[in-house]
PDB file of N, CA and C in Angstrom:
ATOM      1  N   MET A   1     -19.132   7.796  17.571  1.00  0.00           N
ATOM      2  CA  MET A   1     -18.457   8.863  16.838  1.00  0.00           C
ATOM      3  C   MET A   1     -18.572  10.163  17.622  1.00  0.00           C
ATOM      4  N   SER A   2     -17.511  10.908  17.703  1.00  0.00           N
ATOM      5  CA  SER A   2     -17.464  12.144  18.470  1.00  0.00           C
ATOM      6  C   SER A   2     -18.284  13.237  17.782  1.00  0.00           C
ATOM      7  N   ASP A   3     -19.068  13.973  18.561  1.00  0.00           N
ATOM      8  CA  ASP A   3     -19.880  15.058  18.024  1.00  0.00           C
ATOM      9  C   ASP A   3     -19.255  16.417  18.271  1.00  0.00           C
ATOM     10  N   ASP A   4     -17.998  16.462  18.754  1.00  0.00           N
ATOM     11  CA  ASP A   4     -17.375  17.742  19.023  1.00  0.00           C
ATOM     12  C   ASP A   4     -16.682  18.330  17.799  1.00  0.00           C
ATOM     13  N   SER A   5     -16.734  17.634  16.676  1.00  0.00           N
ATOM     14  CA  SER A   5     -16.173  18.152  15.430  1.00  0.00           C
ATOM     15  C   SER A   5     -17.282  18.238  14.387  1.00  0.00           C
ATOM     16  N   SER A   6     -17.045  19.047  13.370  1.00  0.00           N
ATOM     17  CA  SER A   6     -18.041  19.230  12.320  1.00  0.00           C
ATOM     18  C   SER A   6     -17.977  18.076  11.326  1.00  0.00           C
ATOM     19  N   PRO A   7     -19.142  17.583  10.878  1.00  0.00           N
ATOM     20  CA  PRO A   7     -19.151  16.531   9.850  1.00  0.00           C
ATOM     21  C   PRO A   7     -18.583  17.061   8.541  1.00  0.00           C
ATOM     22  N   ASN A   8     -18.002  16.173   7.754  1.00  0.00           N
ATOM     23  CA  ASN A   8     -17.429  16.553   6.472  1.00  0.00           C
ATOM     24  C   ASN A   8     -18.397  16.385   5.310  1.00  0.00           C
ATOM     25  N   SER A   9     -19.499  15.683   5.539  1.00  0.00           N
ATOM     26  CA  SER A   9     -20.457  15.431   4.460  1.00  0.00           C
ATOM     27  C   SER A   9     -21.839  15.154   5.047  1.00  0.00           C
ATOM     28  N   TYR A  10     -22.818  15.105   4.160  1.00  0.00           N
ATOM     29  CA  TYR A  10     -24.182  14.780   4.557  1.00  0.00           C
ATOM     30  C   TYR A  10     -24.235  13.388   5.189  1.00  0.00           C
ATOM     31  N   ALA A  11     -23.569  12.433   4.566  1.00  0.00           N
ATOM     32  CA  ALA A  11     -23.551  11.061   5.089  1.00  0.00           C
ATOM     33  C   ALA A  11     -22.903  11.016   6.468  1.00  0.00           C
ATOM     34  N   ASP A  12     -21.840  11.765   6.650  1.00  0.00           N
ATOM     35  CA  ASP A  12     -21.159  11.827   7.940  1.00  0.00           C
ATOM     36  C   ASP A  12     -22.087  12.411   9.008  1.00  0.00           C
ATOM     37  N   ALA A  13     -22.834  13.462   8.671  1.00  0.00           N
ATOM     38  CA  ALA A  13     -23.758  14.083   9.625  1.00  0.00           C
ATOM     39  C   ALA A  13     -24.837  13.104  10.067  1.00  0.00           C
ATOM     40  N   LEU A  14     -25.299  12.261   9.146  1.00  0.00           N
ATOM     41  CA  LEU A  14     -26.359  11.310   9.479  1.00  0.00           C
ATOM     42  C   LEU A  14     -25.858  10.134  10.306  1.00  0.00           C
ATOM     43  N   GLN A  15     -24.549   9.955  10.388  1.00  0.00           N
ATOM     44  CA  GLN A  15     -23.984   8.872  11.192  1.00  0.00           C
ATOM     45  C   GLN A  15     -23.644   9.338  12.607  1.00  0.00           C
ATOM     46  N   ARG A  16     -23.806  10.601  12.892  1.00  0.00           N
ATOM     47  CA  ARG A  16     -23.454  11.145  14.203  1.00  0.00           C
ATOM     48  C   ARG A  16     -24.533  10.839  15.232  1.00  0.00           C
ATOM     49  N   ASP A  17     -24.138  10.920  16.515  1.00  0.00           N
ATOM     50  CA  ASP A  17     -25.093  10.745  17.609  1.00  0.00           C
ATOM     51  C   ASP A  17     -26.142  11.849  17.604  1.00  0.00           C
ATOM     52  N   LYS A  18     -25.781  13.017  17.143  1.00  0.00           N
ATOM     53  CA  LYS A  18     -26.670  14.187  17.139  1.00  0.00           C
ATOM     54  C   LYS A  18     -27.326  14.397  15.772  1.00  0.00           C
ATOM     55  N   THR A  19     -27.666  13.318  15.102  1.00  0.00           N
ATOM     56  CA  THR A  19     -28.266  13.402  13.766  1.00  0.00           C
ATOM     57  C   THR A  19     -29.473  14.334  13.744  1.00  0.00           C
ATOM     58  N   ASN A  20     -30.298  14.275  14.793  1.00  0.00           N
ATOM     59  CA  ASN A  20     -31.504  15.110  14.812  1.00  0.00           C
ATOM     60  C   ASN A  20     -31.166  16.602  14.788  1.00  0.00           C
ATOM     61  N   PHE A  21     -30.057  17.017  15.420  1.00  0.00           N
ATOM     62  CA  PHE A  21     -29.656  18.429  15.377  1.00  0.00           C
ATOM     63  C   PHE A  21     -29.289  18.837  13.951  1.00  0.00           C
ATOM     64  N   TRP A  22     -28.537  17.972  13.265  1.00  0.00           N
ATOM     65  CA  TRP A  22     -28.135  18.285  11.893  1.00  0.00           C
ATOM     66  C   TRP A  22     -29.346  18.331  10.968  1.00  0.00           C
ATOM     67  N   GLN A  23     -30.255  17.357  11.090  1.00  0.00           N
ATOM     68  CA  GLN A  23     -31.440  17.331  10.235  1.00  0.00           C
ATOM     69  C   GLN A  23     -32.328  18.540  10.503  1.00  0.00           C
ATOM     70  N   GLU A  24     -32.470  18.926  11.759  1.00  0.00           N
ATOM     71  CA  GLU A  24     -33.273  20.095  12.112  1.00  0.00           C
ATOM     72  C   GLU A  24     -32.679  21.360  11.495  1.00  0.00           C
ATOM     73  N   ASN A  25     -31.372  21.509  11.558  1.00  0.00           N
ATOM     74  CA  ASN A  25     -30.721  22.682  10.983  1.00  0.00           C
ATOM     75  C   ASN A  25     -30.762  22.682   9.467  1.00  0.00           C
ATOM     76  N   MET A  26     -30.697  21.512   8.850  1.00  0.00           N
ATOM     77  CA  MET A  26     -30.843  21.435   7.394  1.00  0.00           C
ATOM     78  C   MET A  26     -32.252  21.853   6.990  1.00  0.00           C
ATOM     79  N   GLN A  27     -33.250  21.426   7.751  1.00  0.00           N
ATOM     80  CA  GLN A  27     -34.640  21.812   7.461  1.00  0.00           C
ATOM     81  C   GLN A  27     -34.815  23.324   7.597  1.00  0.00           C
ATOM     82  N   LYS A  28     -34.266  23.897   8.671  1.00  0.00           N
ATOM     83  CA  LYS A  28     -34.342  25.349   8.870  1.00  0.00           C
ATOM     84  C   LYS A  28     -33.652  26.097   7.735  1.00  0.00           C
ATOM     85  N   GLY A  29     -32.495  25.607   7.310  1.00  0.00           N
ATOM     86  CA  GLY A  29     -31.768  26.244   6.219  1.00  0.00           C
ATOM     87  C   GLY A  29     -32.550  26.208   4.917  1.00  0.00           C
ATOM     88  N   THR A  30     -33.147  25.067   4.625  1.00  0.00           N
ATOM     89  CA  THR A  30     -33.950  24.925   3.408  1.00  0.00           C
ATOM     90  C   THR A  30     -35.168  25.841   3.457  1.00  0.00           C
ATOM     91  N   GLU A  31     -35.849  25.884   4.609  1.00  0.00           N
ATOM     92  CA  GLU A  31     -37.020  26.755   4.762  1.00  0.00           C
ATOM     93  C   GLU A  31     -36.636  28.224   4.610  1.00  0.00           C
ATOM     94  N   SER A  32     -35.471  28.602   5.140  1.00  0.00           N
ATOM     95  CA  SER A  32     -34.996  29.984   5.016  1.00  0.00           C
ATOM     96  C   SER A  32     -34.759  30.353   3.555  1.00  0.00           C
ATOM     97  N   LEU A  33     -34.118  29.453   2.806  1.00  0.00           N
ATOM     98  CA  LEU A  33     -33.871  29.707   1.386  1.00  0.00           C
ATOM     99  C   LEU A  33     -35.186  29.865   0.621  1.00  0.00           C
ATOM    100  N   GLN A  34     -36.163  29.031   0.939  1.00  0.00           N
ATOM    101  CA  GLN A  34     -37.452  29.110   0.247  1.00  0.00           C
ATOM    102  C   GLN A  34     -38.224  30.364   0.639  1.00  0.00           C
ATOM    103  N   SER A  35     -38.250  30.718   1.931  1.00  0.00           N
ATOM    104  CA  SER A  35     -39.011  31.887   2.368  1.00  0.00           C
ATOM    105  C   SER A  35     -38.398  33.190   1.855  1.00  0.00           C
ATOM    106  N   ASN A  36     -37.076  33.201   1.649  1.00  0.00           N
ATOM    107  CA  ASN A  36     -36.400  34.382   1.108  1.00  0.00           C
ATOM    108  C   ASN A  36     -36.345  34.367  -0.412  1.00  0.00           C
ATOM    109  N   GLU A  37     -36.997  33.387  -1.013  1.00  0.00           N
ATOM    110  CA  GLU A  37     -37.076  33.236  -2.462  1.00  0.00           C
ATOM    111  C   GLU A  37     -35.693  33.275  -3.109  1.00  0.00           C
ATOM    112  N   VAL A  38     -34.752  32.545  -2.507  1.00  0.00           N
ATOM    113  CA  VAL A  38     -33.390  32.470  -3.011  1.00  0.00           C
ATOM    114  C   VAL A  38     -33.327  31.623  -4.272  1.00  0.00           C
ATOM    115  N   TRP A  39     -34.200  30.634  -4.370  1.00  0.00           N
ATOM    116  CA  TRP A  39     -34.177  29.762  -5.528  1.00  0.00           C
ATOM    117  C   TRP A  39     -35.578  29.496  -6.034  1.00  0.00           C
ATOM    118  N   GLU A  40     -35.621  28.946  -7.206  1.00  0.00           N
ATOM    119  CA  GLU A  40     -36.878  28.568  -7.844  1.00  0.00           C
ATOM    120  C   GLU A  40     -36.614  27.246  -8.555  1.00  0.00           C
ATOM    121  N   PHE A  41     -37.478  26.281  -8.333  1.00  0.00           N
ATOM    122  CA  PHE A  41     -37.307  24.984  -8.975  1.00  0.00           C
ATOM    123  C   PHE A  41     -37.764  25.075 -10.426  1.00  0.00           C
ATOM    124  N   VAL A  42     -36.866  24.762 -11.336  1.00  0.00           N
ATOM    125  CA  VAL A  42     -37.170  24.765 -12.762  1.00  0.00           C
ATOM    126  C   VAL A  42     -36.505  23.555 -13.402  1.00  0.00           C
ATOM    127  N   SER A  43     -36.977  23.177 -14.560  1.00  0.00           N
ATOM    128  CA  SER A  43     -36.332  22.096 -15.319  1.00  0.00           C
ATOM    129  C   SER A  43     -35.138  22.674 -16.059  1.00  0.00           C
ATOM    130  N   PRO A  44     -33.993  22.000 -16.019  1.00  0.00           N
ATOM    131  CA  PRO A  44     -32.816  22.533 -16.714  1.00  0.00           C
ATOM    132  C   PRO A  44     -32.953  22.379 -18.225  1.00  0.00           C
ATOM    133  N   PRO A  45     -32.369  23.290 -18.977  1.00  0.00           N
ATOM    134  CA  PRO A  45     -32.355  23.139 -20.437  1.00  0.00           C
ATOM    135  C   PRO A  45     -31.602  21.862 -20.815  1.00  0.00           C
ATOM    136  N   ASN A  46     -31.950  21.273 -21.932  1.00  0.00           N
ATOM    137  CA  ASN A  46     -31.331  20.020 -22.363  1.00  0.00           C
ATOM    138  C   ASN A  46     -29.832  20.151 -22.612  1.00  0.00           C
ATOM    139  N   ASN A  47     -29.378  21.317 -23.024  1.00  0.00           N
ATOM    140  CA  ASN A  47     -27.966  21.495 -23.376  1.00  0.00           C
ATOM    141  C   ASN A  47     -27.122  22.063 -22.232  1.00  0.00           C
ATOM    142  N   ARG A  48     -27.636  22.067 -21.010  1.00  0.00           N
ATOM    143  CA  ARG A  48     -26.920  22.633 -19.863  1.00  0.00           C
ATOM    144  C   ARG A  48     -26.808  21.616 -18.723  1.00  0.00           C
ATOM    145  N   LYS A  49     -25.715  21.727 -17.986  1.00  0.00           N
ATOM    146  CA  LYS A  49     -25.543  20.911 -16.797  1.00  0.00           C
ATOM    147  C   LYS A  49     -26.079  21.672 -15.588  1.00  0.00           C
ATOM    148  N   VAL A  50     -26.507  20.936 -14.591  1.00  0.00           N
ATOM    149  CA  VAL A  50     -27.028  21.524 -13.365  1.00  0.00           C
ATOM    150  C   VAL A  50     -25.853  21.835 -12.443  1.00  0.00           C
ATOM    151  N   ILE A  51     -25.895  23.004 -11.785  1.00  0.00           N
ATOM    152  CA  ILE A  51     -24.863  23.366 -10.817  1.00  0.00           C
ATOM    153  C   ILE A  51     -25.103  22.555  -9.557  1.00  0.00           C
ATOM    154  N   GLY A  52     -24.062  21.916  -9.060  1.00  0.00           N
ATOM    155  CA  GLY A  52     -24.179  21.084  -7.870  1.00  0.00           C
ATOM    156  C   GLY A  52     -24.257  21.913  -6.596  1.00  0.00           C
ATOM    157  N   SER A  53     -24.579  21.247  -5.519  1.00  0.00           N
ATOM    158  CA  SER A  53     -24.628  21.899  -4.214  1.00  0.00           C
ATOM    159  C   SER A  53     -24.074  20.950  -3.162  1.00  0.00           C
ATOM    160  N   LYS A  54     -23.780  21.512  -1.995  1.00  0.00           N
ATOM    161  CA  LYS A  54     -23.199  20.720  -0.918  1.00  0.00           C
ATOM    162  C   LYS A  54     -23.613  21.330   0.413  1.00  0.00           C
ATOM    163  N   TRP A  55     -23.866  20.470   1.406  1.00  0.00           N
ATOM    164  CA  TRP A  55     -24.146  20.934   2.754  1.00  0.00           C
ATOM    165  C   TRP A  55     -22.826  21.142   3.484  1.00  0.00           C
ATOM    166  N   ILE A  56     -22.707  22.294   4.154  1.00  0.00           N
ATOM    167  CA  ILE A  56     -21.561  22.603   5.000  1.00  0.00           C
ATOM    168  C   ILE A  56     -22.061  22.596   6.440  1.00  0.00           C
ATOM    169  N   PHE A  57     -21.407  21.817   7.291  1.00  0.00           N
ATOM    170  CA  PHE A  57     -21.811  21.666   8.683  1.00  0.00           C
ATOM    171  C   PHE A  57     -20.749  22.259   9.589  1.00  0.00           C
ATOM    172  N   LYS A  58     -21.191  22.971  10.629  1.00  0.00           N
ATOM    173  CA  LYS A  58     -20.270  23.552  11.603  1.00  0.00           C
ATOM    174  C   LYS A  58     -20.833  23.368  13.007  1.00  0.00           C
ATOM    175  N   VAL A  59     -19.933  23.091  13.937  1.00  0.00           N
ATOM    176  CA  VAL A  59     -20.274  23.091  15.352  1.00  0.00           C
ATOM    177  C   VAL A  59     -19.714  24.402  15.896  1.00  0.00           C
ATOM    178  N   LYS A  60     -20.600  25.284  16.354  1.00  0.00           N
ATOM    179  CA  LYS A  60     -20.175  26.562  16.921  1.00  0.00           C
ATOM    180  C   LYS A  60     -19.868  26.330  18.401  1.00  0.00           C
ATOM    181  N   VAL A  61     -18.676  26.759  18.816  1.00  0.00           N
ATOM    182  CA  VAL A  61     -18.201  26.501  20.175  1.00  0.00           C
ATOM    183  C   VAL A  61     -18.028  27.818  20.921  1.00  0.00           C
ATOM    184  N   LYS A  62     -18.433  27.829  22.191  1.00  0.00           N
ATOM    185  CA  LYS A  62     -18.250  29.003  23.045  1.00  0.00           C
ATOM    186  C   LYS A  62     -16.784  29.099  23.463  1.00  0.00           C
ATOM    187  N   ALA A  63     -16.411  30.228  24.057  1.00  0.00           N
ATOM    188  CA  ALA A  63     -15.033  30.451  24.502  1.00  0.00           C
ATOM    189  C   ALA A  63     -14.589  29.410  25.535  1.00  0.00           C
ATOM    190  N   ASP A  64     -15.543  28.896  26.321  1.00  0.00           N
ATOM    191  CA  ASP A  64     -15.183  27.912  27.342  1.00  0.00           C
ATOM    192  C   ASP A  64     -15.096  26.488  26.792  1.00  0.00           C
ATOM    193  N   GLY A  65     -15.316  26.330  25.493  1.00  0.00           N
ATOM    194  CA  GLY A  65     -15.200  25.023  24.857  1.00  0.00           C
ATOM    195  C   GLY A  65     -16.489  24.240  24.758  1.00  0.00           C
ATOM    196  N   SER A  66     -17.572  24.737  25.349  1.00  0.00           N
ATOM    197  CA  SER A  66     -18.860  24.041  25.257  1.00  0.00           C
ATOM    198  C   SER A  66     -19.529  24.352  23.924  1.00  0.00           C
ATOM    199  N   ILE A  67     -20.382  23.460  23.482  1.00  0.00           N
ATOM    200  CA  ILE A  67     -21.068  23.626  22.196  1.00  0.00           C
ATOM    201  C   ILE A  67     -22.165  24.672  22.323  1.00  0.00           C
ATOM    202  N   GLU A  68     -22.114  25.667  21.447  1.00  0.00           N
ATOM    203  CA  GLU A  68     -23.124  26.730  21.428  1.00  0.00           C
ATOM    204  C   GLU A  68     -24.313  26.326  20.565  1.00  0.00           C
ATOM    205  N   ARG A  69     -24.017  25.853  19.326  1.00  0.00           N
ATOM    206  CA  ARG A  69     -25.097  25.438  18.414  1.00  0.00           C
ATOM    207  C   ARG A  69     -24.501  24.673  17.237  1.00  0.00           C
ATOM    208  N   TYR A  70     -25.373  24.032  16.515  1.00  0.00           N
ATOM    209  CA  TYR A  70     -25.019  23.312  15.298  1.00  0.00           C
ATOM    210  C   TYR A  70     -25.588  24.097  14.127  1.00  0.00           C
ATOM    211  N   THR A  71     -24.809  24.262  13.070  1.00  0.00           N
ATOM    212  CA  THR A  71     -25.304  24.974  11.895  1.00  0.00           C
ATOM    213  C   THR A  71     -25.107  24.128  10.640  1.00  0.00           C
ATOM    214  N   ALA A  72     -26.023  24.291   9.705  1.00  0.00           N
ATOM    215  CA  ALA A  72     -25.937  23.619   8.406  1.00  0.00           C
ATOM    216  C   ALA A  72     -26.282  24.648   7.339  1.00  0.00           C
ATOM    217  N   ARG A  73     -25.480  24.709   6.288  1.00  0.00           N
ATOM    218  CA  ARG A  73     -25.693  25.683   5.217  1.00  0.00           C
ATOM    219  C   ARG A  73     -25.558  24.975   3.878  1.00  0.00           C
ATOM    220  N   LEU A  74     -26.503  25.212   2.996  1.00  0.00           N
ATOM    221  CA  LEU A  74     -26.452  24.658   1.650  1.00  0.00           C
ATOM    222  C   LEU A  74     -25.767  25.675   0.743  1.00  0.00           C
ATOM    223  N   VAL A  75     -24.704  25.251   0.082  1.00  0.00           N
ATOM    224  CA  VAL A  75     -23.963  26.145  -0.806  1.00  0.00           C
ATOM    225  C   VAL A  75     -23.886  25.540  -2.199  1.00  0.00           C
ATOM    226  N   GLU A  76     -23.848  26.414  -3.195  1.00  0.00           N
ATOM    227  CA  GLU A  76     -23.693  25.916  -4.563  1.00  0.00           C
ATOM    228  C   GLU A  76     -22.219  25.735  -4.867  1.00  0.00           C
ATOM    229  N   GLN A  77     -21.946  24.837  -5.749  1.00  0.00           N
ATOM    230  CA  GLN A  77     -20.568  24.566  -6.150  1.00  0.00           C
ATOM    231  C   GLN A  77     -20.257  25.421  -7.367  1.00  0.00           C
ATOM    232  N   GLY A  78     -19.978  26.691  -7.098  1.00  0.00           N
ATOM    233  CA  GLY A  78     -19.791  27.680  -8.148  1.00  0.00           C
ATOM    234  C   GLY A  78     -18.606  27.450  -9.051  1.00  0.00           C
ATOM    235  N   PHE A  79     -17.692  26.574  -8.652  1.00  0.00           N
ATOM    236  CA  PHE A  79     -16.519  26.305  -9.506  1.00  0.00           C
ATOM    237  C   PHE A  79     -16.928  25.701 -10.843  1.00  0.00           C
ATOM    238  N   SER A  80     -18.166  25.214 -10.948  1.00  0.00           N
ATOM    239  CA  SER A  80     -18.616  24.618 -12.213  1.00  0.00           C
ATOM    240  C   SER A  80     -19.234  25.651 -13.156  1.00  0.00           C
ATOM    241  N   LEU A  81     -19.341  26.910 -12.709  1.00  0.00           N
ATOM    242  CA  LEU A  81     -19.923  27.956 -13.547  1.00  0.00           C
ATOM    243  C   LEU A  81     -18.973  28.325 -14.676  1.00  0.00           C
ATOM    244  N   ARG A  82     -19.537  28.665 -15.817  1.00  0.00           N
ATOM    245  CA  ARG A  82     -18.769  29.115 -16.978  1.00  0.00           C
ATOM    246  C   ARG A  82     -19.309  30.470 -17.421  1.00  0.00           C
ATOM    247  N   ARG A  83     -18.427  31.348 -17.807  1.00  0.00           N
ATOM    248  CA  ARG A  83     -18.845  32.679 -18.243  1.00  0.00           C
ATOM    249  C   ARG A  83     -19.708  32.582 -19.497  1.00  0.00           C
ATOM    250  N   GLY A  84     -20.787  33.378 -19.502  1.00  0.00           N
ATOM    251  CA  GLY A  84     -21.661  33.419 -20.662  1.00  0.00           C
ATOM    252  C   GLY A  84     -22.687  32.366 -20.606  1.00  0.00           C
TER     253      GLY A  84
END
């Protein structure tokens, strides 16, 4: 599988030749969120649904076309939020 394009999902990233780069960046992203106290693990209320999340993967490319770095970002799926 070609590593010159960004994976579309977590499963896709783990099937790539450069799996270790993606896993390393996911670990760094998770550690960054925890060190910046972006989230706190809590039990959800019984009458509420949990907001989902998704990993976004990007291959950053230099102007000459060579790979600069691999990035992974965890984002929440805010479309499931309801006012109030």
